[in-house]
């Protein structure tokens, strides 16, 4: 059984996420995916298990809701979870009969993989959610982590992982759009208030607006509570600046700032007529001097 099989019957939300008031993330889709983690008995202590897969799948689906091409975002909905965009485009240009041929299936099987890894400045990094291609390298990357227990003990490890990944990827791809999605069991709010404050502080400092070339572009907090019949989201305890809506709006705005206007046409059409920085303004997250800073 594949790692994604437990979520196979949770259909993607295909509604338009944009409205005049901004971006609205599909929290019901997130709740359904996280609830499946409880039903398969894989909730506690599983940052790389079902919880991690649910977060990856949800973020990837949100990017597709926002207009990114289905095969451009990894993980894909179907096997292989990672398929080079150029291969997907080439297969898509074939006739329906040729797309279903044994040769096409063999190409997809051999070119695809179960996970994505990219070279950073120092080491190769396994990536949770990724948009990349040969002509641009890493375009957009999201790191998703879940923490369902041992909050205080694990906080330092998560901080070190995020800052190490940031330095590694920014060093090779200074214009990549980078985000952090962090899910914690809602018990942290009342059960370990000091750890909760450290978590908020970490997510805000990772997004350090005063030094954008050394920061993530967007960070998000999800608070969830397991129940007998699934998972409840406790978003009322999430500060507005860490809410999923602001995360995707910030992430996508940064992406459109840094891409040529001809790129991601479908996503731009859904985004609508929103003001982006002029060419004279440095894109947030880009180098601040000839060699960065």
Protein backbone atom coordinates (compact mmCIF):
# COMPACT_ATOMS: atom_id res chain seq x y z
CA UNK A 1 0.00 0.00 0.00
CA UNK A 2 1.36 3.44 -0.93
CA UNK A 3 1.81 6.15 1.69
CA UNK A 4 -0.93 8.30 0.09
CA UNK A 5 -3.50 5.51 -0.21
CA UNK A 6 -5.23 6.39 3.08
CA UNK A 7 -6.24 9.74 1.54
CA UNK A 8 -7.26 8.47 -1.90
CA UNK A 9 -11.02 8.96 -1.40
CA UNK A 10 -10.73 12.52 -0.06
CA UNK A 11 -11.55 14.45 -3.23
CA UNK A 12 -9.77 17.77 -3.83
CA UNK A 13 -11.66 21.02 -3.32
CA UNK A 14 -11.73 22.68 -6.75
CA UNK A 15 -13.49 25.92 -5.82
CA UNK A 16 -11.91 29.29 -6.61
CA UNK A 17 -10.04 30.40 -3.46
CA UNK A 18 -9.92 34.10 -4.43
CA UNK A 19 -12.56 36.70 -3.65
CA UNK A 20 -12.45 40.50 -3.45
CA UNK A 21 -11.52 40.17 0.21
CA UNK A 22 -8.52 37.92 -0.48
CA UNK A 23 -7.64 34.23 -0.29
CA UNK A 24 -9.79 31.68 1.55
CA UNK A 25 -8.06 28.38 2.23
CA UNK A 26 -10.15 25.19 2.24
CA UNK A 27 -10.01 24.37 5.95
CA UNK A 28 -12.69 21.70 5.54
CA UNK A 29 -10.37 19.89 3.11
CA UNK A 30 -7.58 20.11 5.69
CA UNK A 31 -9.88 18.79 8.42
CA UNK A 32 -10.87 15.82 6.26
CA UNK A 33 -7.25 14.93 5.50
CA UNK A 34 -6.13 15.23 9.13
CA UNK A 35 -9.15 13.24 10.28
CA UNK A 36 -7.97 10.39 8.11
CA UNK A 37 -4.73 10.32 10.14
CA UNK A 38 -6.78 9.61 13.26
CA UNK A 39 -8.84 6.93 11.51
CA UNK A 40 -5.71 5.04 10.44
CA UNK A 41 -4.22 5.36 13.94
CA UNK A 42 -1.28 7.56 12.96
CA UNK A 43 -1.63 10.86 14.80
CA UNK A 44 0.90 11.09 17.63
CA UNK A 45 4.58 11.70 17.01
CA UNK A 46 4.34 11.34 13.22
CA UNK A 47 5.89 14.42 11.62
CA UNK A 48 6.98 12.25 8.67
CA UNK A 49 4.02 9.86 8.82
CA UNK A 50 0.35 10.30 7.99
CA UNK A 51 0.18 13.81 9.48
CA UNK A 52 3.09 14.98 7.34
CA UNK A 53 1.58 13.42 4.20
CA UNK A 54 -1.80 15.03 4.93
CA UNK A 55 -0.18 18.47 5.25
CA UNK A 56 1.84 18.00 2.05
CA UNK A 57 -1.23 16.89 0.10
CA UNK A 58 -3.34 19.79 1.40
CA UNK A 59 -0.75 22.45 0.54
CA UNK A 60 -0.26 20.99 -2.94
CA UNK A 61 -4.02 20.95 -3.48
CA UNK A 62 -4.30 24.58 -2.38
CA UNK A 63 -1.70 25.59 -4.97
CA UNK A 64 -3.71 23.77 -7.63
CA UNK A 65 -6.90 25.50 -6.43
CA UNK A 66 -5.00 28.74 -6.92
CA UNK A 67 -4.42 27.89 -10.59
CA UNK A 68 -1.10 26.07 -10.73
CA UNK A 69 -1.05 23.31 -13.34
CA UNK A 70 -1.79 19.88 -11.80
CA UNK A 71 1.56 18.36 -12.72
CA UNK A 72 3.56 21.47 -11.81
CA UNK A 73 3.09 20.92 -8.08
CA UNK A 74 4.67 18.00 -6.27
CA UNK A 75 3.41 15.79 -4.74
CA UNK A 76 1.07 15.01 -7.63
CA UNK A 77 -2.36 13.53 -7.00
CA UNK A 78 -1.33 10.19 -8.52
CA UNK A 79 1.75 8.02 -8.85
CA UNK A 80 4.43 8.93 -9.49
CA UNK A 81 4.21 11.72 -6.92
CA UNK A 82 7.06 13.58 -8.63
CA UNK A 83 7.30 13.85 -12.41
CA UNK A 84 9.52 16.39 -14.22
CA UNK A 85 7.33 19.13 -15.65
CA UNK A 86 8.91 18.79 -19.11
CA UNK A 87 8.01 15.08 -19.18
CA UNK A 88 4.43 15.81 -18.11
CA UNK A 89 4.09 18.47 -20.83
CA UNK A 90 5.49 16.13 -23.48
CA UNK A 91 3.12 13.31 -22.51
CA UNK A 92 0.22 15.80 -22.44
CA UNK A 93 0.84 16.73 -26.09
CA UNK A 94 0.32 13.14 -27.23
CA UNK A 95 -2.99 11.82 -28.48
CA UNK A 96 -5.19 10.14 -25.84
CA UNK A 97 -4.32 6.73 -27.29
CA UNK A 98 -0.58 7.42 -27.17
CA UNK A 99 -0.84 8.79 -23.62
CA UNK A 100 -2.26 5.44 -22.57
CA UNK A 101 0.33 3.41 -24.48
CA UNK A 102 2.82 1.11 -22.79
CA UNK A 103 5.70 3.32 -23.94
CA UNK A 104 4.19 6.45 -22.36
CA UNK A 105 3.51 4.57 -19.12
CA UNK A 106 7.06 3.28 -19.08
CA UNK A 107 8.46 6.81 -19.59
CA UNK A 108 6.35 8.14 -16.73
CA UNK A 109 7.37 5.26 -14.47
CA UNK A 110 11.08 5.65 -15.20
CA UNK A 111 11.14 9.47 -15.11
CA UNK A 112 9.05 9.79 -11.96
CA UNK A 113 9.88 9.21 -8.33
CA UNK A 114 8.18 8.91 -4.97
CA UNK A 115 9.79 12.02 -3.48
CA UNK A 116 11.53 15.21 -4.50
CA UNK A 117 15.02 16.34 -3.54
CA UNK A 118 16.85 19.48 -4.65
CA UNK A 119 20.44 20.60 -4.31
CA UNK A 120 20.90 23.53 -1.98
CA UNK A 121 24.08 25.48 -1.38
CA UNK A 122 25.47 22.80 0.94
CA UNK A 123 23.49 19.57 0.59
CA UNK A 124 20.57 17.88 -1.15
CA UNK A 125 17.27 18.47 0.60
CA UNK A 126 14.19 16.25 0.54
CA UNK A 127 11.30 18.64 -0.07
CA UNK A 128 7.69 18.41 1.15
CA UNK A 129 5.90 20.54 -1.48
CA UNK A 130 7.76 21.82 -4.53
CA UNK A 131 7.30 23.70 -7.79
CA UNK A 132 10.46 23.51 -9.93
CA UNK A 133 11.61 23.10 -13.51
CA UNK A 134 14.87 22.90 -15.46
CA UNK A 135 14.69 26.51 -16.69
CA UNK A 136 14.22 28.13 -13.27
CA UNK A 137 15.32 25.70 -10.61
CA UNK A 138 13.27 25.96 -7.42
CA UNK A 139 10.33 28.29 -8.00
CA UNK A 140 8.33 27.61 -4.84
CA UNK A 141 8.97 25.35 -1.86
CA UNK A 142 6.96 24.70 1.30
CA UNK A 143 8.22 22.85 4.36
CA UNK A 144 5.42 21.25 6.38
CA UNK A 145 5.88 19.91 9.89
CA UNK A 146 3.55 18.40 12.45
CA UNK A 147 4.08 18.32 16.22
CA UNK A 148 1.51 16.41 18.23
CA UNK A 149 3.41 15.85 21.50
CA UNK A 150 6.59 16.72 23.47
CA UNK A 151 6.27 20.34 22.39
CA UNK A 152 8.98 21.92 24.51
CA UNK A 153 11.54 19.21 23.77
CA UNK A 154 10.94 19.32 20.01
CA UNK A 155 10.79 23.08 19.51
CA UNK A 156 14.55 23.61 19.33
CA UNK A 157 14.92 20.79 16.81
CA UNK A 158 12.23 22.26 14.56
CA UNK A 159 13.84 25.72 14.75
CA UNK A 160 17.22 24.30 13.75
CA UNK A 161 15.70 22.35 10.86
CA UNK A 162 13.86 25.37 9.46
CA UNK A 163 16.81 27.75 9.70
CA UNK A 164 19.20 25.18 8.23
CA UNK A 165 16.88 24.50 5.29
CA UNK A 166 16.44 28.22 4.74
CA UNK A 167 20.17 28.91 4.58
CA UNK A 168 20.76 25.91 2.33
CA UNK A 169 18.03 26.65 -0.24
CA UNK A 170 18.32 30.47 -0.26
CA UNK A 171 22.05 30.10 -0.92
CA UNK A 172 21.42 28.44 -4.28
CA UNK A 173 18.00 29.90 -5.15
CA UNK A 174 17.79 33.47 -3.79
CA UNK A 175 14.53 34.23 -5.61
CA UNK A 176 12.73 31.01 -4.65
CA UNK A 177 9.45 31.53 -2.79
CA UNK A 178 9.74 29.67 0.52
CA UNK A 179 7.05 28.88 3.07
CA UNK A 180 6.61 27.06 6.37
CA UNK A 181 3.43 25.22 7.40
CA UNK A 182 3.41 24.10 11.03
CA UNK A 183 0.66 22.04 12.63
CA UNK A 184 0.52 21.52 16.38
CA UNK A 185 -1.91 19.65 18.58
CA UNK A 186 -4.18 22.30 20.11
CA UNK A 187 -3.30 20.93 23.57
CA UNK A 188 -0.18 23.08 23.39
CA UNK A 189 -2.17 26.31 23.96
CA UNK A 190 -3.30 25.53 27.51
CA UNK A 191 -1.11 22.53 28.30
CA UNK A 192 2.27 24.11 27.53
CA UNK A 193 1.71 27.88 27.22
CA UNK A 194 5.43 28.67 27.27
CA UNK A 195 6.04 26.28 24.38
CA UNK A 196 3.10 27.85 22.53
CA UNK A 197 4.61 31.32 22.87
CA UNK A 198 7.95 29.98 21.64
CA UNK A 199 6.16 28.46 18.65
CA UNK A 200 4.52 31.78 17.74
CA UNK A 201 7.85 33.55 18.16
CA UNK A 202 9.63 31.03 15.94
CA UNK A 203 7.10 31.28 13.11
CA UNK A 204 7.22 35.08 13.17
CA UNK A 205 11.00 35.29 13.28
CA UNK A 206 11.37 32.80 10.44
CA UNK A 207 9.40 35.33 8.38
CA UNK A 208 11.64 38.23 9.55
CA UNK A 209 10.44 41.18 7.44
CA UNK A 210 13.47 43.30 8.39
CA UNK A 211 15.85 40.91 6.59
CA UNK A 212 13.84 39.29 3.78
CA UNK A 213 16.86 37.79 2.03
CA UNK A 214 17.46 35.64 5.12
CA UNK A 215 13.84 34.71 5.78
CA UNK A 216 10.90 32.64 4.64
CA UNK A 217 8.26 34.47 2.62
CA UNK A 218 5.26 33.13 4.53
CA UNK A 219 4.60 31.06 7.64
CA UNK A 220 1.43 29.38 8.85
CA UNK A 221 0.16 27.80 12.06
CA UNK A 222 -2.54 25.14 12.24
CA UNK A 223 -3.96 24.04 15.59
CA UNK A 224 -5.88 20.77 15.54
CA UNK A 225 -7.40 18.50 18.15
CA UNK A 226 -7.95 14.76 17.62
CA UNK A 227 -11.42 13.45 18.48
CA UNK A 228 -13.08 10.06 18.37
CA UNK A 229 -14.64 10.80 14.97
CA UNK A 230 -11.80 12.75 13.36
CA UNK A 231 -10.03 16.05 13.92
CA UNK A 232 -11.29 19.46 14.95
CA UNK A 233 -9.48 22.59 13.84
CA UNK A 234 -8.99 25.21 16.58
CA UNK A 235 -8.26 28.17 14.32
CA UNK A 236 -9.74 30.73 16.74
CA UNK A 237 -6.50 30.42 18.73
CA UNK A 238 -4.32 31.11 15.65
CA UNK A 239 -3.19 34.76 15.30
CA UNK A 240 -4.31 36.43 12.08
CA UNK A 241 -0.74 36.93 10.83
CA UNK A 242 -0.19 33.15 10.95
CA UNK A 243 -3.57 32.12 9.52
CA UNK A 244 -3.69 29.91 6.38
CA UNK A 245 -5.48 32.67 4.43
CA UNK A 246 -2.65 35.17 4.87
CA UNK A 247 -0.09 32.42 4.21
CA UNK A 248 -1.35 31.55 0.74
CA UNK A 249 -2.03 35.16 -0.16
CA UNK A 250 1.53 36.16 0.81
CA UNK A 251 3.10 33.10 -0.80
CA UNK A 252 1.33 33.56 -4.13
CA UNK A 253 1.89 37.33 -4.19
CA UNK A 254 5.63 36.77 -3.76
CA UNK A 255 5.57 34.17 -6.54
CA UNK A 256 3.94 36.57 -8.99
CA UNK A 257 6.36 39.35 -8.00
CA UNK A 258 9.34 37.23 -8.95
CA UNK A 259 8.08 35.48 -12.08
CA UNK A 260 7.84 37.04 -15.56
CA UNK A 261 4.28 38.20 -16.18
CA UNK A 262 3.92 35.54 -18.89
CA UNK A 263 4.37 32.70 -16.37
CA UNK A 264 1.60 30.86 -14.46
CA UNK A 265 -1.11 32.48 -16.53
CA UNK A 266 -3.90 30.38 -15.05
CA UNK A 267 -2.91 31.22 -11.50
CA UNK A 268 -2.56 34.91 -12.35
CA UNK A 269 -6.07 35.00 -13.84
CA UNK A 270 -7.53 33.63 -10.61
CA UNK A 271 -5.40 36.01 -8.59
CA UNK A 272 -7.00 38.91 -10.42
CA UNK A 273 -6.09 42.54 -10.72
CA UNK A 274 -3.97 43.06 -7.63
CA UNK A 275 -1.14 45.55 -7.37
CA UNK A 276 2.37 44.10 -7.47
CA UNK A 277 5.63 45.98 -6.84
CA UNK A 278 7.03 47.90 -9.80
CA UNK A 279 10.26 46.86 -11.50
CA UNK A 280 12.17 49.48 -9.50
CA UNK A 281 11.23 47.84 -6.19
CA UNK A 282 13.29 44.88 -5.02
CA UNK A 283 11.14 41.74 -4.76
CA UNK A 284 10.74 40.75 -1.12
CA UNK A 285 13.22 37.99 -0.35
CA UNK A 286 15.72 38.93 -3.05
CA UNK A 287 19.33 39.97 -2.50
CA UNK A 288 19.87 43.29 -0.75
CA UNK A 289 23.22 44.06 -2.36
CA UNK A 290 25.61 42.86 -5.07
CA UNK A 291 26.35 39.69 -3.13
CA UNK A 292 23.25 39.55 -0.93
CA UNK A 293 23.94 40.30 2.72
